[in-house]
Amino acid sequence: MPYYRATVAYDGTDFLGFQLQATGRTVQGALEAALLQLSGAETRVVGSGRTDAGVHAAGQVVGFRAEWRHDTNDLHRALNAVLPPDVAVVELDEAPEEWHPRFSAKWRHYRYTVRNASWRSPLARRHALHIAQPLRLDDLQAAARVFVGQHDFASFGRPMQDGTPGEPGTSTVRMIYRSGWRQEGECLLYDVIGNAFLRGMVRSLVGSMLSVGLGQMTVGQLRELLAARDRGLAAPPAAACGLCLMHVEYDVPQGSACKRTCEG
């Protein structure tokens, strides 16, 4: 059977996350149901990462084999015809046999959106965290720089514990290539690029940085929190609605490429 690589976008609001679960609606379940409908055979979809309940994606990457007698473009159109409205296949190509959607990935780009305005927006509530109190962008930027480089992020997440190649299943060490905030109108956008992320890590990073931006924590205290390697000391994680998996890259990370990805 052909081996396919797909880039998938979804609004995660009404999903219990990407990964298939015993009960409840998941993105993986929606994709596998669509492939079953088209091919008549059960198909396992493997993702590049496991976004949590309520987290969105513009560039989730998945791999799967499918019994399909027509060309790839026909499969692409057919999938989008039967998938629910909150999931879409953005790109679809055949993949080399040695490629794996998760283990072949070199870096991942997440974006978190905060709407910093006096009044909430009903139109933005599914895709941005609303904070009415003024946030200090300079302090957020200083906080974001703390995370650049290789660090032990045990204070901000837990490992997947499924044997990622090259590191123990219990490792909490990760490399962050880029971490920064910028403003677009009423929104503050946090972009982070890393080789991999712990479970809940980005939302936890954002939650602690927001404490800095609100004047509840200093940048020095954030450094101490990172060094402490104690999950219980971190601020509560930011809400899932503001987080989006933007891109998964399978080439070696380059500084200029990371910069263009964050600014795009």
Foldseek 3Di string as FASTA:
>chain_A
DFKKKWWKWFQQAQFQKADDDPDTHHVQVLQQVLLCVVQVDGKGKAWQDIGGRLATAPGIMIMIDHDDDDDFVVVQVSSQVRGDPGMHTPDMDTDDPVDHNHLLFQKWKKKFKAQADQDDDPVCVQAHHYDPQFFDQVLLFLLFVLQAAKAQQLQQAFFPLPCRPPDGRGGRIWHKHDWHWDDDVRMIMIMTMTRDHHVRRVQQSVQQSRCRRNVNDHSVVSNVSRVVSHNVVTGDGHDNSRMYGYHTHSDHDDNVVSVVSVVD
